[in-house]
Amino acid sequence: MSDSEFIAVFESAQIGEYFAAASAGLFAYEYVVTFGREVELFWKRRITVSSILFLVNRYLPLVVNIIYAPWPSLPSTYKRCAALMYSGETLEIFQYLPWAVFSALRAYALTSHARPLAGVVFLLALAPVVINYVTLGNATPVVDPFFGCSASVGLSNAIQQKSVSFTIISRGCIITSDLLLLGITWSATYKTSREIKALNHVTSLSSVLFRDGVVYFIVLAIMNILHLSFSLQSILIQNAAPNASYITILTEPITAILISRFLIDLQEANIQSMHQVSSGSVGTLDFNSVVGSLTFRLPSSGEISELTSNHHNTSSEAGISVRYPDSVREASSPV
């Protein structure tokens, strides 16, 4: 390696460390500022599939960020480096599984439990898991006296062509999944969220699904498009610095943060809905579905009309008392 090549690699690695530090700092800040809401909304309530989904999405990326934080380089043997590389990469890849499950559950809920469409969304969102495990099979641990432990992937012409294809397929599948969910969310919740908002139920499940679904998944789609663009640039441009696609370092933690916020908002809206439909305790209401608010059925236009009628007929000086139809009452249970 010539001096100029060494300097380019060093500069790229140093910038990558800065981005890794920024990623870890962002995730740590998010964890601290939302920890109180996490305890109140999830720790103090019964365990459900969706609460497990939240905790896995919350703490698996935290472990990954701790592993890849720019710690001071320590002497490492080949075996230690291999163990760190394979365990860290496996956990990083596994992050995509709860994200795929969450996407599939949203599609399942918003399409009146259409399993084929939810399955398509799940498989599209799961593509990076399969592809990244294939890529990991071509990686070998390297102990460098200057850079420390790292992973090296051979870049022969054949493998380079496969790498380009893998990047296109991986990011393309996620972008397609995000856009598909965006269309499902818009068509399923836009009208309902506006009608329920007219009843002053600003934080209803429908409004949360519409607001967070549209805004958050537009952000994720943009991040994945940037991920794809910069990754392809770093692969296809000759003499490009390794790891030139620094935006990819931020894609995964931002995805985890947005989905955690989404689940927190859903839980808060679900609890508020239960307080509106019952004067009893939260624990007395159950969903008929195992995943709580993630698979509730949106009220139909006729049910919204009934809510509007009851809204006008039951108002008093003490406030508004709205009688919900049975189908809406069944959609109110702890996550």
C-alpha atoms as a PDB file:
ATOM      1  CA  MET A   1       0.000   0.000   0.000  1.00  0.00           C
ATOM      2  CA  SER A   2       1.433   3.348  -1.042  1.00  0.00           C
ATOM      3  CA  ASP A   3       1.541   6.355   1.262  1.00  0.00           C
ATOM      4  CA  SER A   4      -1.319   8.067  -0.579  1.00  0.00           C
ATOM      5  CA  GLU A   5      -3.492   4.945  -0.329  1.00  0.00           C
ATOM      6  CA  PHE A   6      -2.700   4.592   3.368  1.00  0.00           C
ATOM      7  CA  ILE A   7      -3.637   8.235   4.009  1.00  0.00           C
ATOM      8  CA  ALA A   8      -6.918   7.793   2.109  1.00  0.00           C
ATOM      9  CA  VAL A   9      -7.786   4.672   4.099  1.00  0.00           C
ATOM     10  CA  PHE A  10      -6.842   6.370   7.374  1.00  0.00           C
ATOM     11  CA  GLU A  11      -8.953   9.447   6.620  1.00  0.00           C
ATOM     12  CA  SER A  12     -11.907   7.271   5.645  1.00  0.00           C
ATOM     13  CA  ALA A  13     -11.587   5.200   8.821  1.00  0.00           C
ATOM     14  CA  GLN A  14     -11.311   8.332  10.963  1.00  0.00           C
ATOM     15  CA  ILE A  15     -14.441   9.880   9.432  1.00  0.00           C
ATOM     16  CA  GLY A  16     -16.214   6.565   9.911  1.00  0.00           C
ATOM     17  CA  GLU A  17     -15.293   6.652  13.608  1.00  0.00           C
ATOM     18  CA  TYR A  18     -16.743  10.154  13.904  1.00  0.00           C
ATOM     19  CA  PHE A  19     -20.009   8.980  12.371  1.00  0.00           C
ATOM     20  CA  ALA A  20     -20.039   5.936  14.669  1.00  0.00           C
ATOM     21  CA  ALA A  21     -19.570   8.234  17.668  1.00  0.00           C
ATOM     22  CA  ALA A  22     -22.398  10.469  16.428  1.00  0.00           C
ATOM     23  CA  SER A  23     -24.623   7.429  15.973  1.00  0.00           C
ATOM     24  CA  ALA A  24     -23.907   6.157  19.483  1.00  0.00           C
ATOM     25  CA  GLY A  25     -24.450   9.624  20.954  1.00  0.00           C
ATOM     26  CA  LEU A  26     -27.769  10.058  19.142  1.00  0.00           C
ATOM     27  CA  PHE A  27     -29.011   6.674  20.303  1.00  0.00           C
ATOM     28  CA  ALA A  28     -27.882   7.296  23.901  1.00  0.00           C
ATOM     29  CA  TYR A  29     -29.655  10.667  23.941  1.00  0.00           C
ATOM     30  CA  GLU A  30     -32.859   9.115  22.592  1.00  0.00           C
ATOM     31  CA  TYR A  31     -32.685   6.358  25.194  1.00  0.00           C
ATOM     32  CA  VAL A  32     -32.320   8.830  28.068  1.00  0.00           C
ATOM     33  CA  VAL A  33     -35.096  11.222  26.996  1.00  0.00           C
ATOM     34  CA  THR A  34     -37.644   8.441  26.369  1.00  0.00           C
ATOM     35  CA  PHE A  35     -36.747   6.099  29.233  1.00  0.00           C
ATOM     36  CA  GLY A  36     -39.469   7.486  31.517  1.00  0.00           C
ATOM     37  CA  ARG A  37     -42.162   6.913  28.884  1.00  0.00           C
ATOM     38  CA  GLU A  38     -40.831   3.411  28.280  1.00  0.00           C
ATOM     39  CA  VAL A  39     -41.135   2.510  31.968  1.00  0.00           C
ATOM     40  CA  GLU A  40     -44.637   3.966  32.261  1.00  0.00           C
ATOM     41  CA  LEU A  41     -46.016   2.526  29.027  1.00  0.00           C
ATOM     42  CA  PHE A  42     -44.338  -0.888  28.834  1.00  0.00           C
ATOM     43  CA  TRP A  43     -42.638  -1.965  32.054  1.00  0.00           C
ATOM     44  CA  LYS A  44     -45.699  -1.441  34.248  1.00  0.00           C
ATOM     45  CA  ARG A  45     -48.066  -3.357  31.962  1.00  0.00           C
ATOM     46  CA  ARG A  46     -48.565  -6.958  31.016  1.00  0.00           C
ATOM     47  CA  ILE A  47     -46.176  -8.493  28.505  1.00  0.00           C
ATOM     48  CA  THR A  48     -47.566  -8.877  24.993  1.00  0.00           C
ATOM     49  CA  VAL A  49     -46.101  -9.641  21.599  1.00  0.00           C
ATOM     50  CA  SER A  50     -45.970  -5.954  20.741  1.00  0.00           C
ATOM     51  CA  SER A  51     -44.239  -5.035  24.014  1.00  0.00           C
ATOM     52  CA  ILE A  52     -41.618  -7.695  23.268  1.00  0.00           C
ATOM     53  CA  LEU A  53     -41.272  -6.194  19.784  1.00  0.00           C
ATOM     54  CA  PHE A  54     -40.701  -2.767  21.334  1.00  0.00           C
ATOM     55  CA  LEU A  55     -38.079  -4.034  23.793  1.00  0.00           C
ATOM     56  CA  VAL A  56     -36.200  -5.995  21.122  1.00  0.00           C
ATOM     57  CA  ASN A  57     -36.186  -2.958  18.835  1.00  0.00           C
ATOM     58  CA  ARG A  58     -35.111  -0.807  21.775  1.00  0.00           C
ATOM     59  CA  TYR A  59     -32.249  -2.836  23.229  1.00  0.00           C
ATOM     60  CA  LEU A  60     -30.817  -4.817  20.327  1.00  0.00           C
ATOM     61  CA  PRO A  61     -29.690  -1.623  18.523  1.00  0.00           C
ATOM     62  CA  LEU A  62     -28.385  -0.352  21.869  1.00  0.00           C
ATOM     63  CA  VAL A  63     -26.122  -3.410  22.136  1.00  0.00           C
ATOM     64  CA  VAL A  64     -25.017  -2.969  18.513  1.00  0.00           C
ATOM     65  CA  ASN A  65     -24.155   0.691  19.124  1.00  0.00           C
ATOM     66  CA  ILE A  66     -22.143  -0.259  22.208  1.00  0.00           C
ATOM     67  CA  ILE A  67     -20.211  -2.882  20.228  1.00  0.00           C
ATOM     68  CA  TYR A  68     -19.417  -0.523  17.351  1.00  0.00           C
ATOM     69  CA  ALA A  69     -18.766   2.580  19.432  1.00  0.00           C
ATOM     70  CA  PRO A  70     -15.252   3.955  18.810  1.00  0.00           C
ATOM     71  CA  TRP A  71     -13.614   2.402  21.855  1.00  0.00           C
ATOM     72  CA  PRO A  72      -9.823   2.731  22.294  1.00  0.00           C
ATOM     73  CA  SER A  73      -8.075   0.045  20.257  1.00  0.00           C
ATOM     74  CA  LEU A  74      -6.985  -2.907  22.353  1.00  0.00           C
ATOM     75  CA  PRO A  75      -4.544  -5.687  21.445  1.00  0.00           C
ATOM     76  CA  SER A  76      -6.516  -8.505  19.837  1.00  0.00           C
ATOM     77  CA  THR A  77      -5.836 -12.044  18.717  1.00  0.00           C
ATOM     78  CA  TYR A  78      -7.335 -13.526  15.584  1.00  0.00           C
ATOM     79  CA  LYS A  79      -9.827 -15.616  17.593  1.00  0.00           C
ATOM     80  CA  ARG A  80     -11.021 -12.608  19.595  1.00  0.00           C
ATOM     81  CA  CYS A  81     -11.324 -10.539  16.447  1.00  0.00           C
ATOM     82  CA  ALA A  82     -13.294 -13.296  14.714  1.00  0.00           C
ATOM     83  CA  ALA A  83     -15.653 -13.655  17.688  1.00  0.00           C
ATOM     84  CA  LEU A  84     -16.212  -9.891  17.829  1.00  0.00           C
ATOM     85  CA  MET A  85     -16.735  -9.593  14.084  1.00  0.00           C
ATOM     86  CA  TYR A  86     -19.198 -12.453  13.705  1.00  0.00           C
ATOM     87  CA  SER A  87     -21.176 -11.654  16.864  1.00  0.00           C
ATOM     88  CA  GLY A  88     -21.352  -7.939  16.070  1.00  0.00           C
ATOM     89  CA  GLU A  89     -22.319  -8.462  12.432  1.00  0.00           C
ATOM     90  CA  THR A  90     -24.921 -11.085  13.371  1.00  0.00           C
ATOM     91  CA  LEU A  91     -26.586  -8.788  15.908  1.00  0.00           C
ATOM     92  CA  GLU A  92     -26.485  -5.892  13.454  1.00  0.00           C
ATOM     93  CA  ILE A  93     -28.166  -7.984  10.759  1.00  0.00           C
ATOM     94  CA  PHE A  94     -30.728  -9.362  13.230  1.00  0.00           C
ATOM     95  CA  GLN A  95     -31.989  -5.790  13.817  1.00  0.00           C
ATOM     96  CA  TYR A  96     -33.885  -6.039  10.547  1.00  0.00           C
ATOM     97  CA  LEU A  97     -36.079  -8.892  11.819  1.00  0.00           C
ATOM     98  CA  PRO A  98     -38.187  -6.867  14.325  1.00  0.00           C
ATOM     99  CA  TRP A  99     -38.392  -4.050  11.768  1.00  0.00           C
ATOM    100  CA  ALA A 100     -39.777  -6.504   9.199  1.00  0.00           C
ATOM    101  CA  VAL A 101     -42.250  -7.893  11.750  1.00  0.00           C
ATOM    102  CA  PHE A 102     -43.430  -4.375  12.623  1.00  0.00           C
ATOM    103  CA  SER A 103     -43.934  -3.500   8.954  1.00  0.00           C
ATOM    104  CA  ALA A 104     -45.894  -6.706   8.364  1.00  0.00           C
ATOM    105  CA  LEU A 105     -48.106  -6.123  11.416  1.00  0.00           C
ATOM    106  CA  ARG A 106     -48.940  -2.598  10.252  1.00  0.00           C
ATOM    107  CA  ALA A 107     -49.857  -3.880   6.804  1.00  0.00           C
ATOM    108  CA  TYR A 108     -51.912  -6.666   8.407  1.00  0.00           C
ATOM    109  CA  ALA A 109     -53.823  -4.192  10.575  1.00  0.00           C
ATOM    110  CA  LEU A 110     -54.403  -1.535   7.937  1.00  0.00           C
ATOM    111  CA  THR A 111     -55.626  -3.934   5.225  1.00  0.00           C
ATOM    112  CA  SER A 112     -58.309  -5.612   7.378  1.00  0.00           C
ATOM    113  CA  HIS A 113     -56.022  -8.570   8.095  1.00  0.00           C
ATOM    114  CA  ALA A 114     -54.944  -9.307   4.513  1.00  0.00           C
ATOM    115  CA  ARG A 115     -52.284 -11.942   5.101  1.00  0.00           C
ATOM    116  CA  PRO A 116     -50.890 -12.164   1.543  1.00  0.00           C
ATOM    117  CA  LEU A 117     -50.147  -8.437   1.415  1.00  0.00           C
ATOM    118  CA  ALA A 118     -48.658  -8.507   4.923  1.00  0.00           C
ATOM    119  CA  GLY A 119     -46.503 -11.442   3.821  1.00  0.00           C
ATOM    120  CA  VAL A 120     -45.219  -9.506   0.809  1.00  0.00           C
ATOM    121  CA  VAL A 121     -44.305  -6.542   3.031  1.00  0.00           C
ATOM    122  CA  PHE A 122     -42.552  -8.883   5.489  1.00  0.00           C
ATOM    123  CA  LEU A 123     -40.487 -10.613   2.798  1.00  0.00           C
ATOM    124  CA  LEU A 124     -39.472  -7.311   1.213  1.00  0.00           C
ATOM    125  CA  ALA A 125     -38.405  -5.877   4.578  1.00  0.00           C
ATOM    126  CA  LEU A 126     -36.578  -9.115   5.432  1.00  0.00           C
ATOM    127  CA  ALA A 127     -34.427  -9.114   2.281  1.00  0.00           C
ATOM    128  CA  PRO A 128     -31.425  -7.367   3.957  1.00  0.00           C
ATOM    129  CA  VAL A 129     -31.209 -10.179   6.540  1.00  0.00           C
ATOM    130  CA  VAL A 130     -30.726 -12.864   3.891  1.00  0.00           C
ATOM    131  CA  ILE A 131     -28.461 -10.766   1.682  1.00  0.00           C
ATOM    132  CA  ASN A 132     -26.243  -9.515   4.513  1.00  0.00           C
ATOM    133  CA  TYR A 133     -25.772 -13.042   5.855  1.00  0.00           C
ATOM    134  CA  VAL A 134     -24.603 -14.107   2.398  1.00  0.00           C
ATOM    135  CA  THR A 135     -22.174 -11.172   2.360  1.00  0.00           C
ATOM    136  CA  LEU A 136     -20.975 -12.045   5.860  1.00  0.00           C
ATOM    137  CA  GLY A 137     -20.054 -15.498   4.585  1.00  0.00           C
ATOM    138  CA  ASN A 138     -17.453 -13.874   2.290  1.00  0.00           C
ATOM    139  CA  ALA A 139     -15.953 -11.748   5.080  1.00  0.00           C
ATOM    140  CA  THR A 140     -12.824 -12.623   7.031  1.00  0.00           C
ATOM    141  CA  PRO A 141     -11.560 -11.053  10.272  1.00  0.00           C
ATOM    142  CA  VAL A 142      -8.353  -9.040   9.987  1.00  0.00           C
ATOM    143  CA  VAL A 143      -6.117  -7.938  12.862  1.00  0.00           C
ATOM    144  CA  ASP A 144      -4.189  -4.877  11.737  1.00  0.00           C
ATOM    145  CA  PRO A 145      -1.501  -3.430  14.029  1.00  0.00           C
ATOM    146  CA  PHE A 146      -2.658   0.090  13.197  1.00  0.00           C
ATOM    147  CA  PHE A 147      -6.422  -0.166  12.564  1.00  0.00           C
ATOM    148  CA  GLY A 148      -7.116  -3.028  14.969  1.00  0.00           C
ATOM    149  CA  CYS A 149      -9.825  -5.642  14.372  1.00  0.00           C
ATOM    150  CA  SER A 150     -11.874  -5.265  11.215  1.00  0.00           C
ATOM    151  CA  ALA A 151     -13.718  -7.288   8.594  1.00  0.00           C
ATOM    152  CA  SER A 152     -12.346  -7.705   5.107  1.00  0.00           C
ATOM    153  CA  VAL A 153     -14.462  -8.721   2.129  1.00  0.00           C
ATOM    154  CA  GLY A 154     -12.625  -9.866  -0.966  1.00  0.00           C
ATOM    155  CA  LEU A 155     -13.416  -7.687  -3.966  1.00  0.00           C
ATOM    156  CA  SER A 156     -12.604  -9.760  -7.020  1.00  0.00           C
ATOM    157  CA  ASN A 157     -14.424  -8.735 -10.171  1.00  0.00           C
ATOM    158  CA  ALA A 158     -17.056 -11.449  -9.705  1.00  0.00           C
ATOM    159  CA  ILE A 159     -17.646 -10.612  -6.040  1.00  0.00           C
ATOM    160  CA  GLN A 160     -17.718  -6.889  -6.818  1.00  0.00           C
ATOM    161  CA  GLN A 161     -20.502  -7.459  -9.348  1.00  0.00           C
ATOM    162  CA  LYS A 162     -22.389  -9.528  -6.762  1.00  0.00           C
ATOM    163  CA  SER A 163     -21.841  -6.807  -4.179  1.00  0.00           C
ATOM    164  CA  VAL A 164     -23.436  -4.242  -6.485  1.00  0.00           C
ATOM    165  CA  SER A 165     -26.389  -6.551  -7.098  1.00  0.00           C
ATOM    166  CA  PHE A 166     -26.768  -7.295  -3.379  1.00  0.00           C
ATOM    167  CA  THR A 167     -26.809  -3.594  -2.527  1.00  0.00           C
ATOM    168  CA  ILE A 168     -29.442  -2.853  -5.165  1.00  0.00           C
ATOM    169  CA  ILE A 169     -31.645  -5.768  -4.082  1.00  0.00           C
ATOM    170  CA  SER A 170     -31.295  -5.090  -0.347  1.00  0.00           C
ATOM    171  CA  ARG A 171     -32.032  -1.366  -0.406  1.00  0.00           C
ATOM    172  CA  GLY A 172     -34.504  -1.692  -3.266  1.00  0.00           C
ATOM    173  CA  CYS A 173     -36.609  -4.189  -1.327  1.00  0.00           C
ATOM    174  CA  ILE A 174     -36.709  -1.937   1.749  1.00  0.00           C
ATOM    175  CA  ILE A 175     -37.612   1.121  -0.341  1.00  0.00           C
ATOM    176  CA  THR A 176     -40.399  -0.854  -2.029  1.00  0.00           C
ATOM    177  CA  SER A 177     -41.663  -2.031   1.362  1.00  0.00           C
ATOM    178  CA  ASP A 178     -41.647   1.536   2.721  1.00  0.00           C
ATOM    179  CA  LEU A 179     -43.491   2.926  -0.300  1.00  0.00           C
ATOM    180  CA  LEU A 180     -46.032   0.103  -0.186  1.00  0.00           C
ATOM    181  CA  LEU A 181     -46.678   0.787   3.501  1.00  0.00           C
ATOM    182  CA  LEU A 182     -46.959   4.492   2.783  1.00  0.00           C
ATOM    183  CA  GLY A 183     -49.706   3.847   0.249  1.00  0.00           C
ATOM    184  CA  ILE A 184     -51.515   1.431   2.586  1.00  0.00           C
ATOM    185  CA  THR A 185     -51.308   3.876   5.485  1.00  0.00           C
ATOM    186  CA  TRP A 186     -52.558   6.818   3.435  1.00  0.00           C
ATOM    187  CA  SER A 187     -55.519   4.957   1.949  1.00  0.00           C
ATOM    188  CA  ALA A 188     -56.540   3.279   5.217  1.00  0.00           C
ATOM    189  CA  THR A 189     -56.183   6.066   7.777  1.00  0.00           C
ATOM    190  CA  TYR A 190     -56.389   9.484   6.109  1.00  0.00           C
ATOM    191  CA  LYS A 191     -60.183   9.833   6.112  1.00  0.00           C
ATOM    192  CA  THR A 192     -60.672   8.047   9.435  1.00  0.00           C
ATOM    193  CA  SER A 193     -58.025  10.104  11.225  1.00  0.00           C
ATOM    194  CA  ARG A 194     -59.622  13.378  10.072  1.00  0.00           C
ATOM    195  CA  GLU A 195     -63.098  12.275  11.143  1.00  0.00           C
ATOM    196  CA  ILE A 196     -61.917  11.127  14.562  1.00  0.00           C
ATOM    197  CA  LYS A 197     -59.905  14.331  14.988  1.00  0.00           C
ATOM    198  CA  ALA A 198     -63.158  16.239  14.515  1.00  0.00           C
ATOM    199  CA  LEU A 199     -64.361  14.510  17.688  1.00  0.00           C
ATOM    200  CA  ASN A 200     -61.340  15.941  19.549  1.00  0.00           C
ATOM    201  CA  HIS A 201     -59.694  12.502  19.696  1.00  0.00           C
ATOM    202  CA  VAL A 202     -56.437  14.008  18.480  1.00  0.00           C
ATOM    203  CA  THR A 203     -54.286  11.121  19.691  1.00  0.00           C
ATOM    204  CA  SER A 204     -56.479   8.299  18.382  1.00  0.00           C
ATOM    205  CA  LEU A 205     -54.851   5.172  17.016  1.00  0.00           C
ATOM    206  CA  SER A 206     -55.909   6.178  13.502  1.00  0.00           C
ATOM    207  CA  SER A 207     -54.302   9.608  13.750  1.00  0.00           C
ATOM    208  CA  VAL A 208     -51.088   8.112  15.160  1.00  0.00           C
ATOM    209  CA  LEU A 209     -50.928   5.538  12.371  1.00  0.00           C
ATOM    210  CA  PHE A 210     -51.501   8.255   9.780  1.00  0.00           C
ATOM    211  CA  ARG A 211     -49.132  10.854  11.257  1.00  0.00           C
ATOM    212  CA  ASP A 212     -46.276   8.583  12.307  1.00  0.00           C
ATOM    213  CA  GLY A 213     -46.741   6.192   9.409  1.00  0.00           C
ATOM    214  CA  VAL A 214     -46.533   8.869   6.735  1.00  0.00           C
ATOM    215  CA  VAL A 215     -43.891  11.109   8.296  1.00  0.00           C
ATOM    216  CA  TYR A 216     -41.643   8.416   9.740  1.00  0.00           C
ATOM    217  CA  PHE A 217     -41.684   6.132   6.733  1.00  0.00           C
ATOM    218  CA  ILE A 218     -41.037   8.998   4.330  1.00  0.00           C
ATOM    219  CA  VAL A 219     -37.918   9.685   6.408  1.00  0.00           C
ATOM    220  CA  LEU A 220     -36.938   6.004   6.269  1.00  0.00           C
ATOM    221  CA  ALA A 221     -37.517   5.862   2.518  1.00  0.00           C
ATOM    222  CA  ILE A 222     -35.284   8.909   2.029  1.00  0.00           C
ATOM    223  CA  MET A 223     -32.600   7.381   4.265  1.00  0.00           C
ATOM    224  CA  ASN A 224     -32.676   4.119   2.331  1.00  0.00           C
ATOM    225  CA  ILE A 225     -32.534   5.920  -1.017  1.00  0.00           C
ATOM    226  CA  LEU A 226     -29.476   7.835   0.214  1.00  0.00           C
ATOM    227  CA  HIS A 227     -28.048   4.566   1.560  1.00  0.00           C
ATOM    228  CA  LEU A 228     -28.442   2.953  -1.849  1.00  0.00           C
ATOM    229  CA  SER A 229     -27.069   5.940  -3.770  1.00  0.00           C
ATOM    230  CA  PHE A 230     -23.950   6.450  -1.668  1.00  0.00           C
ATOM    231  CA  SER A 231     -23.254   2.720  -1.369  1.00  0.00           C
ATOM    232  CA  LEU A 232     -23.364   2.322  -5.133  1.00  0.00           C
ATOM    233  CA  GLN A 233     -21.134   5.362  -5.540  1.00  0.00           C
ATOM    234  CA  SER A 234     -18.515   3.928  -3.195  1.00  0.00           C
ATOM    235  CA  ILE A 235     -18.653   0.557  -4.976  1.00  0.00           C
ATOM    236  CA  LEU A 236     -18.729   1.659  -8.606  1.00  0.00           C
ATOM    237  CA  ILE A 237     -16.339   4.628  -8.632  1.00  0.00           C
ATOM    238  CA  GLN A 238     -12.778   3.530  -9.163  1.00  0.00           C
ATOM    239  CA  ASN A 239     -10.330   4.325  -6.346  1.00  0.00           C
ATOM    240  CA  ALA A 240     -13.204   5.328  -4.069  1.00  0.00           C
ATOM    241  CA  ALA A 241     -12.259   5.346  -0.413  1.00  0.00           C
ATOM    242  CA  PRO A 242     -13.441   2.322   1.590  1.00  0.00           C
ATOM    243  CA  ASN A 243     -16.620   2.889   3.577  1.00  0.00           C
ATOM    244  CA  ALA A 244     -17.251   6.122   1.666  1.00  0.00           C
ATOM    245  CA  SER A 245     -20.971   5.764   2.250  1.00  0.00           C
ATOM    246  CA  TYR A 246     -20.984   7.286   5.734  1.00  0.00           C
ATOM    247  CA  ILE A 247     -24.743   7.850   5.618  1.00  0.00           C
ATOM    248  CA  THR A 248     -25.181   4.093   6.010  1.00  0.00           C
ATOM    249  CA  ILE A 249     -23.769   4.325   9.541  1.00  0.00           C
ATOM    250  CA  LEU A 250     -26.761   6.446  10.575  1.00  0.00           C
ATOM    251  CA  THR A 251     -29.491   4.547   8.720  1.00  0.00           C
ATOM    252  CA  GLU A 252     -29.927   1.708  11.216  1.00  0.00           C
ATOM    253  CA  PRO A 253     -29.978   3.737  14.470  1.00  0.00           C
ATOM    254  CA  ILE A 254     -32.392   6.273  12.954  1.00  0.00           C
ATOM    255  CA  THR A 255     -34.645   3.406  11.834  1.00  0.00           C
ATOM    256  CA  ALA A 256     -34.633   1.951  15.364  1.00  0.00           C
ATOM    257  CA  ILE A 257     -35.362   5.365  16.914  1.00  0.00           C
ATOM    258  CA  LEU A 258     -38.278   6.110  14.582  1.00  0.00           C
ATOM    259  CA  ILE A 259     -39.889   2.713  15.128  1.00  0.00           C
ATOM    260  CA  SER A 260     -39.473   3.006  18.916  1.00  0.00           C
ATOM    261  CA  ARG A 261     -41.176   6.413  18.831  1.00  0.00           C
ATOM    262  CA  PHE A 262     -43.901   4.949  16.629  1.00  0.00           C
ATOM    263  CA  LEU A 263     -44.583   2.151  19.134  1.00  0.00           C
ATOM    264  CA  ILE A 264     -44.536   4.579  22.079  1.00  0.00           C
ATOM    265  CA  ASP A 265     -47.047   6.860  20.349  1.00  0.00           C
ATOM    266  CA  LEU A 266     -49.276   3.884  19.524  1.00  0.00           C
ATOM    267  CA  GLN A 267     -49.205   2.708  23.137  1.00  0.00           C
ATOM    268  CA  GLU A 268     -50.064   6.169  24.457  1.00  0.00           C
ATOM    269  CA  ALA A 269     -52.941   6.546  21.992  1.00  0.00           C
ATOM    270  CA  ASN A 270     -54.199   3.070  22.840  1.00  0.00           C
ATOM    271  CA  ILE A 271     -54.237   3.821  26.577  1.00  0.00           C
ATOM    272  CA  GLN A 272     -56.001   7.134  26.018  1.00  0.00           C
ATOM    273  CA  SER A 273     -58.600   5.352  23.884  1.00  0.00           C
ATOM    274  CA  MET A 274     -59.254   2.899  26.702  1.00  0.00           C
ATOM    275  CA  HIS A 275     -59.793   5.721  29.175  1.00  0.00           C
ATOM    276  CA  GLN A 276     -62.321   7.228  26.784  1.00  0.00           C
ATOM    277  CA  VAL A 277     -64.373   4.055  26.316  1.00  0.00           C
ATOM    278  CA  SER A 278     -64.350   2.734  29.875  1.00  0.00           C
ATOM    279  CA  SER A 279     -64.272   4.117  33.380  1.00  0.00           C
ATOM    280  CA  GLY A 280     -62.799   0.853  34.631  1.00  0.00           C
ATOM    281  CA  SER A 281     -59.155  -0.086  34.947  1.00  0.00           C
ATOM    282  CA  VAL A 282     -56.925  -0.607  31.945  1.00  0.00           C
ATOM    283  CA  GLY A 283     -56.336  -4.233  32.811  1.00  0.00           C
ATOM    284  CA  THR A 284     -60.004  -5.161  32.299  1.00  0.00           C
ATOM    285  CA  LEU A 285     -59.905  -4.536  28.561  1.00  0.00           C
ATOM    286  CA  ASP A 286     -58.305  -6.992  26.155  1.00  0.00           C
ATOM    287  CA  PHE A 287     -57.742  -7.190  22.438  1.00  0.00           C
ATOM    288  CA  ASN A 288     -58.942 -10.326  20.708  1.00  0.00           C
ATOM    289  CA  SER A 289     -55.619 -10.226  18.869  1.00  0.00           C
ATOM    290  CA  VAL A 290     -52.303 -11.259  20.357  1.00  0.00           C
ATOM    291  CA  VAL A 291     -50.431  -8.139  19.253  1.00  0.00           C
ATOM    292  CA  GLY A 292     -52.592  -5.472  20.826  1.00  0.00           C
ATOM    293  CA  SER A 293     -52.974  -2.127  19.110  1.00  0.00           C
ATOM    294  CA  LEU A 294     -50.883  -3.194  16.133  1.00  0.00           C
ATOM    295  CA  THR A 295     -53.712  -5.338  14.708  1.00  0.00           C
ATOM    296  CA  PHE A 296     -56.795  -3.391  15.690  1.00  0.00           C
ATOM    297  CA  ARG A 297     -59.518  -2.840  13.103  1.00  0.00           C
ATOM    298  CA  LEU A 298     -60.101   0.737  12.043  1.00  0.00           C
ATOM    299  CA  PRO A 299     -63.688   1.903  12.548  1.00  0.00           C
ATOM    300  CA  SER A 300     -65.729   2.197   9.375  1.00  0.00           C
ATOM    301  CA  SER A 301     -67.318   5.390   8.099  1.00  0.00           C
ATOM    302  CA  GLY A 302     -70.666   4.229   9.486  1.00  0.00           C
ATOM    303  CA  GLU A 303     -69.154   3.744  12.922  1.00  0.00           C
ATOM    304  CA  ILE A 304     -67.533   7.166  12.716  1.00  0.00           C
ATOM    305  CA  SER A 305     -70.933   8.641  11.890  1.00  0.00           C
ATOM    306  CA  GLU A 306     -72.374   6.936  14.961  1.00  0.00           C
ATOM    307  CA  LEU A 307     -69.561   8.382  17.048  1.00  0.00           C
ATOM    308  CA  THR A 308     -70.298  11.830  15.672  1.00  0.00           C
ATOM    309  CA  SER A 309     -73.987  11.476  16.486  1.00  0.00           C
ATOM    310  CA  ASN A 310     -73.258  10.300  19.998  1.00  0.00           C
ATOM    311  CA  HIS A 311     -70.714  13.067  20.385  1.00  0.00           C
ATOM    312  CA  HIS A 312     -73.424  15.687  19.892  1.00  0.00           C
ATOM    313  CA  ASN A 313     -76.028  13.868  21.994  1.00  0.00           C
ATOM    314  CA  THR A 314     -73.953  13.193  25.115  1.00  0.00           C
ATOM    315  CA  SER A 315     -72.051  16.449  25.661  1.00  0.00           C
ATOM    316  CA  SER A 316     -72.488  18.127  29.054  1.00  0.00           C
ATOM    317  CA  GLU A 317     -70.946  20.825  31.245  1.00  0.00           C
ATOM    318  CA  ALA A 318     -68.547  18.280  32.729  1.00  0.00           C
ATOM    319  CA  GLY A 319     -67.207  17.305  29.322  1.00  0.00           C
ATOM    320  CA  ILE A 320     -67.939  14.948  26.457  1.00  0.00           C
ATOM    321  CA  SER A 321     -68.982  11.324  26.991  1.00  0.00           C
ATOM    322  CA  VAL A 322     -68.841   9.316  23.778  1.00  0.00           C
ATOM    323  CA  ARG A 323     -70.411   5.854  23.513  1.00  0.00           C
ATOM    324  CA  TYR A 324     -68.301   3.702  21.236  1.00  0.00           C
ATOM    325  CA  PRO A 325     -69.749   0.816  19.209  1.00  0.00           C
ATOM    326  CA  ASP A 326     -68.617  -2.700  20.127  1.00  0.00           C
ATOM    327  CA  SER A 327     -66.156  -2.936  17.235  1.00  0.00           C
ATOM    328  CA  VAL A 328     -64.295   0.127  18.488  1.00  0.00           C
ATOM    329  CA  ARG A 329     -64.416  -1.064  22.082  1.00  0.00           C
ATOM    330  CA  GLU A 330     -62.739  -4.320  21.039  1.00  0.00           C
ATOM    331  CA  ALA A 331     -59.891  -2.249  19.609  1.00  0.00           C
ATOM    332  CA  SER A 332     -58.977  -0.878  23.037  1.00  0.00           C
ATOM    333  CA  SER A 333     -56.547  -2.965  25.012  1.00  0.00           C
ATOM    334  CA  PRO A 334     -53.026  -2.680  26.386  1.00  0.00           C
ATOM    335  CA  VAL A 335     -50.290  -3.333  23.886  1.00  0.00           C
END
